[in-house]
């Protein structure tokens, strides 16, 4: 009978330990799930933040280059105005070089 009592007590102890183990496993899995969910939410928020930053950067670059293009259009219009003056200076230079060559030849 004594061995039967010890055996029953051991069975109850094993059952309690098994219940504790199950409860601990359940708590662990619940915590792990909550951690994964928090990590996924954080990653999604960071990805969204990165996309917002990239979008703002693209918009800023576009504005910068559009301003540069507008300035180049103004400069191109001015350059067209300079073309006759440039051609005149080129002719004057050619004439001056011709006169210098004639002077050296004498």
Protein backbone atom coordinates (compact mmCIF):
# COMPACT_ATOMS: atom_id res chain seq x y z
CA UNK A 1 0.00 0.00 0.00
CA UNK A 2 2.81 2.35 0.74
CA UNK A 3 4.24 1.88 -2.75
CA UNK A 4 0.75 2.48 -4.18
CA UNK A 5 0.49 5.77 -2.25
CA UNK A 6 3.91 6.88 -3.48
CA UNK A 7 2.94 5.92 -7.00
CA UNK A 8 -0.33 7.91 -6.86
CA UNK A 9 1.57 10.86 -5.41
CA UNK A 10 4.14 10.61 -8.24
CA UNK A 11 1.35 10.40 -10.84
CA UNK A 12 -0.23 13.57 -9.41
CA UNK A 13 3.17 15.28 -9.39
CA UNK A 14 3.75 14.29 -13.01
CA UNK A 15 0.29 15.53 -13.99
CA UNK A 16 0.92 18.88 -12.22
CA UNK A 17 4.30 19.20 -13.94
CA UNK A 18 2.68 18.35 -17.27
CA UNK A 19 0.00 21.02 -16.73
CA UNK A 20 2.67 23.54 -15.76
CA UNK A 21 4.66 22.65 -18.85
CA UNK A 22 1.59 23.04 -21.07
CA UNK A 23 0.76 26.39 -19.49
CA UNK A 24 4.35 27.56 -19.93
CA UNK A 25 4.38 26.44 -23.57
CA UNK A 26 1.10 28.24 -24.21
CA UNK A 27 2.42 31.43 -22.59
CA UNK A 28 5.62 31.16 -24.62
CA UNK A 29 3.77 30.66 -27.92
CA UNK A 30 1.42 33.54 -27.13
CA UNK A 31 4.37 35.82 -26.36
CA UNK A 32 6.17 34.68 -29.50
CA UNK A 33 3.08 35.39 -31.61
CA UNK A 34 2.69 38.85 -30.07
CA UNK A 35 6.38 39.58 -30.69
CA UNK A 36 6.10 38.52 -34.35
CA UNK A 37 3.00 40.67 -34.77
CA UNK A 38 4.77 43.69 -33.23
CA UNK A 39 7.81 43.13 -35.47
CA UNK A 40 5.61 42.88 -38.57
CA UNK A 41 3.76 46.07 -37.65
CA UNK A 42 7.05 47.90 -37.06
CA UNK A 43 8.50 46.67 -40.35
CA UNK A 44 5.36 47.73 -42.25
CA UNK A 45 5.51 51.18 -40.63
CA UNK A 46 9.20 51.55 -41.53
CA UNK A 47 8.56 50.47 -45.12
CA UNK A 48 5.78 53.05 -45.38
CA UNK A 49 8.06 55.71 -43.92
CA UNK A 50 10.77 54.80 -46.44
CA UNK A 51 8.29 55.06 -49.33
CA UNK A 52 7.14 58.47 -48.08
CA UNK A 53 10.74 59.69 -47.88
CA UNK A 54 11.52 58.33 -51.35
CA UNK A 55 8.40 59.96 -52.77
CA UNK A 56 9.27 63.33 -51.20
CA UNK A 57 12.85 63.06 -52.48
CA UNK A 58 11.67 62.35 -56.02
CA UNK A 59 9.32 65.34 -55.88
CA UNK A 60 12.13 67.59 -54.63
CA UNK A 61 14.49 66.37 -57.36
CA UNK A 62 11.80 66.95 -59.98
CA UNK A 63 11.22 70.50 -58.75
CA UNK A 64 14.97 71.18 -58.77
CA UNK A 65 15.47 69.90 -62.31
CA UNK A 66 12.34 71.66 -63.58
CA UNK A 67 13.71 74.95 -62.19
CA UNK A 68 17.02 74.22 -63.93
CA UNK A 69 15.22 73.45 -67.19
CA UNK A 70 13.29 76.72 -66.96
CA UNK A 71 16.53 78.64 -66.49
CA UNK A 72 18.11 76.81 -69.43
CA UNK A 73 15.13 77.77 -71.63
CA UNK A 74 15.69 81.44 -70.72
CA UNK A 75 19.40 81.07 -71.45
CA UNK A 76 18.67 79.37 -74.78
CA UNK A 77 16.44 82.30 -75.78
CA UNK A 78 19.28 84.71 -74.92
CA UNK A 79 21.77 82.55 -76.81
CA UNK A 80 19.65 82.89 -79.95
CA UNK A 81 19.87 86.66 -79.54
CA UNK A 82 23.67 86.40 -79.30
CA UNK A 83 24.07 84.39 -82.50
CA UNK A 84 24.27 87.38 -84.91
CA UNK A 85 26.76 89.16 -82.63
CA UNK A 86 28.87 86.00 -82.45
CA UNK A 87 28.88 85.69 -86.23
CA UNK A 88 29.89 89.35 -86.56
CA UNK A 89 32.78 88.86 -84.11
CA UNK A 90 33.86 85.76 -86.02
CA UNK A 91 34.00 87.72 -89.27
CA UNK A 92 35.94 90.54 -87.57
CA UNK A 93 38.42 88.01 -86.17
CA UNK A 94 38.88 86.38 -89.57
CA UNK A 95 39.50 89.80 -91.15
CA UNK A 96 42.01 90.70 -88.42
CA UNK A 97 43.83 87.41 -88.92
CA UNK A 98 43.90 88.02 -92.66
CA UNK A 99 45.40 91.51 -92.15
CA UNK A 100 48.00 90.14 -89.74
CA UNK A 101 48.95 87.41 -92.20
CA UNK A 102 49.35 90.01 -94.97
CA UNK A 103 51.52 92.21 -92.72
CA UNK A 104 53.78 89.29 -91.87
CA UNK A 105 54.06 88.37 -95.49
CA UNK A 106 55.56 91.82 -96.41
